[in-house]
């Protein structure tokens, strides 16, 4: 999962991430998180246990912060729902957002494909959720953008920690 992005000032922001649980078919599985540059890699299961071919349903529950942008005229969530570095295809990805007080977003957009791609292989459903319209091949993902009027979500009292990286030669 990507955790680093560029802010409007050109600095790198590293968001918070905490893995809460992982299950396979409803049963808890071992899980570990490793940093790989600007991404986190989540390893599920045991290295010495191989799954039989077929459908396997994992649920990953995590807490993250630092993804909401607070702008002059609106606020928004720009979220890479799936990440893009999966070695397997994703049959379906679905995302929904609940805003405080039952508020509705003013605008919803989405993108599919490789990191930075602007594919449209998804659709917005009547409830405001977004779902892919076909499988995502290995390396491709789903990103959503939900915007809403100012004042629905309160900005943090202290700005989220920005981490700036410099590369020297």
C-alpha atoms as a PDB file:
ATOM      1  CA  UNK A   1       0.000   0.000   0.000  1.00  0.00           C
ATOM      2  CA  UNK A   2       1.369   3.418  -0.850  1.00  0.00           C
ATOM      3  CA  UNK A   3       1.932   5.629   2.196  1.00  0.00           C
ATOM      4  CA  UNK A   4       3.990   8.479   0.734  1.00  0.00           C
ATOM      5  CA  UNK A   5       2.778  11.252  -1.533  1.00  0.00           C
ATOM      6  CA  UNK A   6       3.785  14.746  -2.606  1.00  0.00           C
ATOM      7  CA  UNK A   7       1.984  17.679  -1.032  1.00  0.00           C
ATOM      8  CA  UNK A   8       1.263  20.993  -2.758  1.00  0.00           C
ATOM      9  CA  UNK A   9       4.586  22.425  -1.520  1.00  0.00           C
ATOM     10  CA  UNK A  10       6.534  19.557  -3.138  1.00  0.00           C
ATOM     11  CA  UNK A  11       7.399  17.819   0.124  1.00  0.00           C
ATOM     12  CA  UNK A  12       6.849  14.127   0.786  1.00  0.00           C
ATOM     13  CA  UNK A  13       4.101  13.229   3.236  1.00  0.00           C
ATOM     14  CA  UNK A  14       4.281   9.847   4.952  1.00  0.00           C
ATOM     15  CA  UNK A  15       0.876   8.806   6.239  1.00  0.00           C
ATOM     16  CA  UNK A  16       0.190   6.725   9.328  1.00  0.00           C
ATOM     17  CA  UNK A  17      -0.690   3.034   8.994  1.00  0.00           C
ATOM     18  CA  UNK A  18      -1.586   0.477  11.662  1.00  0.00           C
ATOM     19  CA  UNK A  19      -2.566  -3.106  10.789  1.00  0.00           C
ATOM     20  CA  UNK A  20      -5.374  -4.158  13.132  1.00  0.00           C
ATOM     21  CA  UNK A  21      -6.196  -7.664  11.862  1.00  0.00           C
ATOM     22  CA  UNK A  22      -6.076 -10.036   8.911  1.00  0.00           C
ATOM     23  CA  UNK A  23      -8.349 -12.995   8.214  1.00  0.00           C
ATOM     24  CA  UNK A  24      -8.654 -15.669   5.544  1.00  0.00           C
ATOM     25  CA  UNK A  25     -12.205 -16.928   5.185  1.00  0.00           C
ATOM     26  CA  UNK A  26     -13.034 -15.435   8.591  1.00  0.00           C
ATOM     27  CA  UNK A  27     -10.114 -17.108  10.404  1.00  0.00           C
ATOM     28  CA  UNK A  28      -7.307 -14.966  11.793  1.00  0.00           C
ATOM     29  CA  UNK A  29      -3.992 -15.387   9.948  1.00  0.00           C
ATOM     30  CA  UNK A  30      -0.476 -14.235  10.837  1.00  0.00           C
ATOM     31  CA  UNK A  31       0.367 -10.891   9.233  1.00  0.00           C
ATOM     32  CA  UNK A  32       3.432  -8.689   9.067  1.00  0.00           C
ATOM     33  CA  UNK A  33       4.036  -5.215   7.653  1.00  0.00           C
ATOM     34  CA  UNK A  34       7.337  -4.241   6.004  1.00  0.00           C
ATOM     35  CA  UNK A  35       8.379  -0.863   4.606  1.00  0.00           C
ATOM     36  CA  UNK A  36       9.451  -0.906   0.933  1.00  0.00           C
ATOM     37  CA  UNK A  37      10.393   2.656   0.026  1.00  0.00           C
ATOM     38  CA  UNK A  38       7.199   4.723  -0.106  1.00  0.00           C
ATOM     39  CA  UNK A  39       5.000   1.635   0.279  1.00  0.00           C
ATOM     40  CA  UNK A  40       4.095  -0.841   2.970  1.00  0.00           C
ATOM     41  CA  UNK A  41       4.062  -4.505   2.066  1.00  0.00           C
ATOM     42  CA  UNK A  42       1.640  -6.673   4.009  1.00  0.00           C
ATOM     43  CA  UNK A  43       2.545 -10.337   4.229  1.00  0.00           C
ATOM     44  CA  UNK A  44      -0.332 -12.670   5.045  1.00  0.00           C
ATOM     45  CA  UNK A  45      -0.192 -16.236   6.305  1.00  0.00           C
ATOM     46  CA  UNK A  46       2.868 -18.410   6.935  1.00  0.00           C
ATOM     47  CA  UNK A  47       5.755 -18.843   4.501  1.00  0.00           C
ATOM     48  CA  UNK A  48       5.612 -22.641   4.916  1.00  0.00           C
ATOM     49  CA  UNK A  49       1.854 -22.933   4.218  1.00  0.00           C
ATOM     50  CA  UNK A  50       0.681 -22.957   0.594  1.00  0.00           C
ATOM     51  CA  UNK A  51      -2.962 -22.445  -0.354  1.00  0.00           C
ATOM     52  CA  UNK A  52      -4.686 -24.727  -2.816  1.00  0.00           C
ATOM     53  CA  UNK A  53      -5.560 -23.082  -6.148  1.00  0.00           C
ATOM     54  CA  UNK A  54      -8.930 -21.343  -6.092  1.00  0.00           C
ATOM     55  CA  UNK A  55     -10.712 -18.336  -4.610  1.00  0.00           C
ATOM     56  CA  UNK A  56      -9.458 -17.118  -1.265  1.00  0.00           C
ATOM     57  CA  UNK A  57     -11.079 -14.204   0.567  1.00  0.00           C
ATOM     58  CA  UNK A  58      -8.812 -12.118   2.761  1.00  0.00           C
ATOM     59  CA  UNK A  59      -9.997  -9.267   4.932  1.00  0.00           C
ATOM     60  CA  UNK A  60      -7.399  -6.723   6.037  1.00  0.00           C
ATOM     61  CA  UNK A  61      -8.484  -4.225   8.698  1.00  0.00           C
ATOM     62  CA  UNK A  62      -6.259  -1.225   9.289  1.00  0.00           C
ATOM     63  CA  UNK A  63      -6.252   2.343  10.568  1.00  0.00           C
ATOM     64  CA  UNK A  64      -4.624   5.139   8.608  1.00  0.00           C
ATOM     65  CA  UNK A  65      -4.565   8.913   8.702  1.00  0.00           C
ATOM     66  CA  UNK A  66      -3.154  11.794   6.725  1.00  0.00           C
ATOM     67  CA  UNK A  67      -5.125  11.250   3.500  1.00  0.00           C
ATOM     68  CA  UNK A  68      -7.673  14.062   3.724  1.00  0.00           C
ATOM     69  CA  UNK A  69      -6.776  17.237   1.855  1.00  0.00           C
ATOM     70  CA  UNK A  70      -8.097  20.515   3.276  1.00  0.00           C
ATOM     71  CA  UNK A  71      -8.206  23.118   0.496  1.00  0.00           C
ATOM     72  CA  UNK A  72      -9.548  26.683   0.211  1.00  0.00           C
ATOM     73  CA  UNK A  73     -12.864  25.772  -1.456  1.00  0.00           C
ATOM     74  CA  UNK A  74     -13.380  22.105  -0.597  1.00  0.00           C
ATOM     75  CA  UNK A  75     -11.938  19.110   1.234  1.00  0.00           C
ATOM     76  CA  UNK A  76     -11.260  15.717  -0.296  1.00  0.00           C
ATOM     77  CA  UNK A  77     -10.111  12.168   0.132  1.00  0.00           C
ATOM     78  CA  UNK A  78      -7.709  10.996  -2.599  1.00  0.00           C
ATOM     79  CA  UNK A  79      -7.318   7.292  -1.860  1.00  0.00           C
ATOM     80  CA  UNK A  80      -5.514   4.439  -3.596  1.00  0.00           C
ATOM     81  CA  UNK A  81      -7.986   1.762  -2.503  1.00  0.00           C
ATOM     82  CA  UNK A  82      -6.060  -1.353  -3.519  1.00  0.00           C
ATOM     83  CA  UNK A  83      -2.424  -0.388  -3.911  1.00  0.00           C
ATOM     84  CA  UNK A  84      -0.790  -1.272  -7.236  1.00  0.00           C
ATOM     85  CA  UNK A  85       1.938  -3.803  -6.598  1.00  0.00           C
ATOM     86  CA  UNK A  86      -0.128  -6.977  -6.202  1.00  0.00           C
ATOM     87  CA  UNK A  87       1.360 -10.039  -7.932  1.00  0.00           C
ATOM     88  CA  UNK A  88      -2.145 -11.448  -8.479  1.00  0.00           C
ATOM     89  CA  UNK A  89      -5.252 -10.121 -10.213  1.00  0.00           C
ATOM     90  CA  UNK A  90      -7.995  -8.473  -8.151  1.00  0.00           C
ATOM     91  CA  UNK A  91     -11.396  -9.811  -9.220  1.00  0.00           C
ATOM     92  CA  UNK A  92     -13.336  -6.896  -7.751  1.00  0.00           C
ATOM     93  CA  UNK A  93     -12.574  -3.831  -5.684  1.00  0.00           C
ATOM     94  CA  UNK A  94     -15.293  -1.779  -4.004  1.00  0.00           C
ATOM     95  CA  UNK A  95     -15.061   1.399  -1.947  1.00  0.00           C
ATOM     96  CA  UNK A  96     -17.615   3.446  -0.032  1.00  0.00           C
ATOM     97  CA  UNK A  97     -17.253   6.533   2.125  1.00  0.00           C
ATOM     98  CA  UNK A  98     -19.387   7.616   5.077  1.00  0.00           C
ATOM     99  CA  UNK A  99     -19.105  11.290   5.964  1.00  0.00           C
ATOM    100  CA  UNK A 100     -20.114  12.696   9.363  1.00  0.00           C
ATOM    101  CA  UNK A 101     -23.788  13.490   9.837  1.00  0.00           C
ATOM    102  CA  UNK A 102     -24.777  11.484   6.752  1.00  0.00           C
ATOM    103  CA  UNK A 103     -23.407  14.217   4.455  1.00  0.00           C
ATOM    104  CA  UNK A 104     -22.929  13.378   0.795  1.00  0.00           C
ATOM    105  CA  UNK A 105     -19.805  14.126  -1.211  1.00  0.00           C
ATOM    106  CA  UNK A 106     -20.167  16.918  -3.750  1.00  0.00           C
ATOM    107  CA  UNK A 107     -18.112  15.078  -6.373  1.00  0.00           C
ATOM    108  CA  UNK A 108     -16.783  11.560  -6.886  1.00  0.00           C
ATOM    109  CA  UNK A 109     -14.149  10.445  -9.374  1.00  0.00           C
ATOM    110  CA  UNK A 110     -12.093   7.270  -9.813  1.00  0.00           C
ATOM    111  CA  UNK A 111      -9.172   5.865 -11.769  1.00  0.00           C
ATOM    112  CA  UNK A 112      -7.989   2.346 -12.575  1.00  0.00           C
ATOM    113  CA  UNK A 113      -4.759   0.931 -13.926  1.00  0.00           C
ATOM    114  CA  UNK A 114      -1.073   1.303 -13.158  1.00  0.00           C
ATOM    115  CA  UNK A 115       0.119   3.937 -10.672  1.00  0.00           C
ATOM    116  CA  UNK A 116      -0.740   7.347 -12.178  1.00  0.00           C
ATOM    117  CA  UNK A 117      -3.036   5.893 -14.878  1.00  0.00           C
ATOM    118  CA  UNK A 118      -6.423   7.475 -15.589  1.00  0.00           C
ATOM    119  CA  UNK A 119      -8.377   4.359 -16.632  1.00  0.00           C
ATOM    120  CA  UNK A 120     -12.134   4.268 -16.042  1.00  0.00           C
ATOM    121  CA  UNK A 121     -12.780   0.531 -15.538  1.00  0.00           C
ATOM    122  CA  UNK A 122     -15.124   1.196 -12.613  1.00  0.00           C
ATOM    123  CA  UNK A 123     -18.507   2.754 -11.986  1.00  0.00           C
ATOM    124  CA  UNK A 124     -20.192   4.855  -9.350  1.00  0.00           C
ATOM    125  CA  UNK A 125     -23.228   3.129  -7.851  1.00  0.00           C
ATOM    126  CA  UNK A 126     -26.426   4.858  -6.737  1.00  0.00           C
ATOM    127  CA  UNK A 127     -25.297   4.748  -3.073  1.00  0.00           C
ATOM    128  CA  UNK A 128     -22.120   6.699  -3.953  1.00  0.00           C
ATOM    129  CA  UNK A 129     -19.796   3.716  -3.721  1.00  0.00           C
ATOM    130  CA  UNK A 130     -17.360   2.851  -6.516  1.00  0.00           C
ATOM    131  CA  UNK A 131     -16.835  -0.673  -7.848  1.00  0.00           C
ATOM    132  CA  UNK A 132     -14.576  -1.993 -10.578  1.00  0.00           C
ATOM    133  CA  UNK A 133     -16.329  -3.220 -13.728  1.00  0.00           C
ATOM    134  CA  UNK A 134     -13.832  -5.998 -14.426  1.00  0.00           C
ATOM    135  CA  UNK A 135     -10.825  -7.634 -12.822  1.00  0.00           C
ATOM    136  CA  UNK A 136      -7.664  -5.609 -12.261  1.00  0.00           C
ATOM    137  CA  UNK A 137      -4.578  -7.381 -13.677  1.00  0.00           C
ATOM    138  CA  UNK A 138      -1.457  -7.746 -11.504  1.00  0.00           C
ATOM    139  CA  UNK A 139       0.111  -4.323 -10.878  1.00  0.00           C
ATOM    140  CA  UNK A 140      -3.117  -2.387 -11.463  1.00  0.00           C
ATOM    141  CA  UNK A 141      -5.361  -0.801  -8.876  1.00  0.00           C
ATOM    142  CA  UNK A 142      -8.329   1.422  -8.037  1.00  0.00           C
ATOM    143  CA  UNK A 143      -8.012   5.017  -6.808  1.00  0.00           C
ATOM    144  CA  UNK A 144     -10.964   7.170  -5.726  1.00  0.00           C
ATOM    145  CA  UNK A 145     -11.389  10.898  -5.186  1.00  0.00           C
ATOM    146  CA  UNK A 146     -14.285  12.092  -3.014  1.00  0.00           C
ATOM    147  CA  UNK A 147     -14.722  15.860  -2.546  1.00  0.00           C
ATOM    148  CA  UNK A 148     -17.146  17.633  -0.200  1.00  0.00           C
ATOM    149  CA  UNK A 149     -17.900  21.177   0.965  1.00  0.00           C
ATOM    150  CA  UNK A 150     -15.738  22.689   3.698  1.00  0.00           C
ATOM    151  CA  UNK A 151     -16.827  22.167   7.296  1.00  0.00           C
ATOM    152  CA  UNK A 152     -18.088  18.569   7.073  1.00  0.00           C
ATOM    153  CA  UNK A 153     -14.783  17.090   8.274  1.00  0.00           C
ATOM    154  CA  UNK A 154     -12.738  19.036  10.807  1.00  0.00           C
ATOM    155  CA  UNK A 155      -9.032  19.375  10.094  1.00  0.00           C
ATOM    156  CA  UNK A 156      -6.719  18.066  12.814  1.00  0.00           C
ATOM    157  CA  UNK A 157      -5.792  20.583  15.508  1.00  0.00           C
ATOM    158  CA  UNK A 158      -2.134  20.048  14.670  1.00  0.00           C
ATOM    159  CA  UNK A 159      -1.190  19.514  11.030  1.00  0.00           C
ATOM    160  CA  UNK A 160      -0.281  15.923  10.204  1.00  0.00           C
ATOM    161  CA  UNK A 161       3.468  15.336  10.335  1.00  0.00           C
ATOM    162  CA  UNK A 162       5.142  16.023   7.000  1.00  0.00           C
ATOM    163  CA  UNK A 163       8.357  14.131   6.378  1.00  0.00           C
ATOM    164  CA  UNK A 164      10.674  15.664   3.829  1.00  0.00           C
ATOM    165  CA  UNK A 165      13.186  13.500   2.036  1.00  0.00           C
ATOM    166  CA  UNK A 166      16.233  14.766   0.186  1.00  0.00           C
ATOM    167  CA  UNK A 167      18.464  12.817  -2.155  1.00  0.00           C
ATOM    168  CA  UNK A 168      22.158  13.773  -2.300  1.00  0.00           C
ATOM    169  CA  UNK A 169      24.654  12.711  -4.961  1.00  0.00           C
END
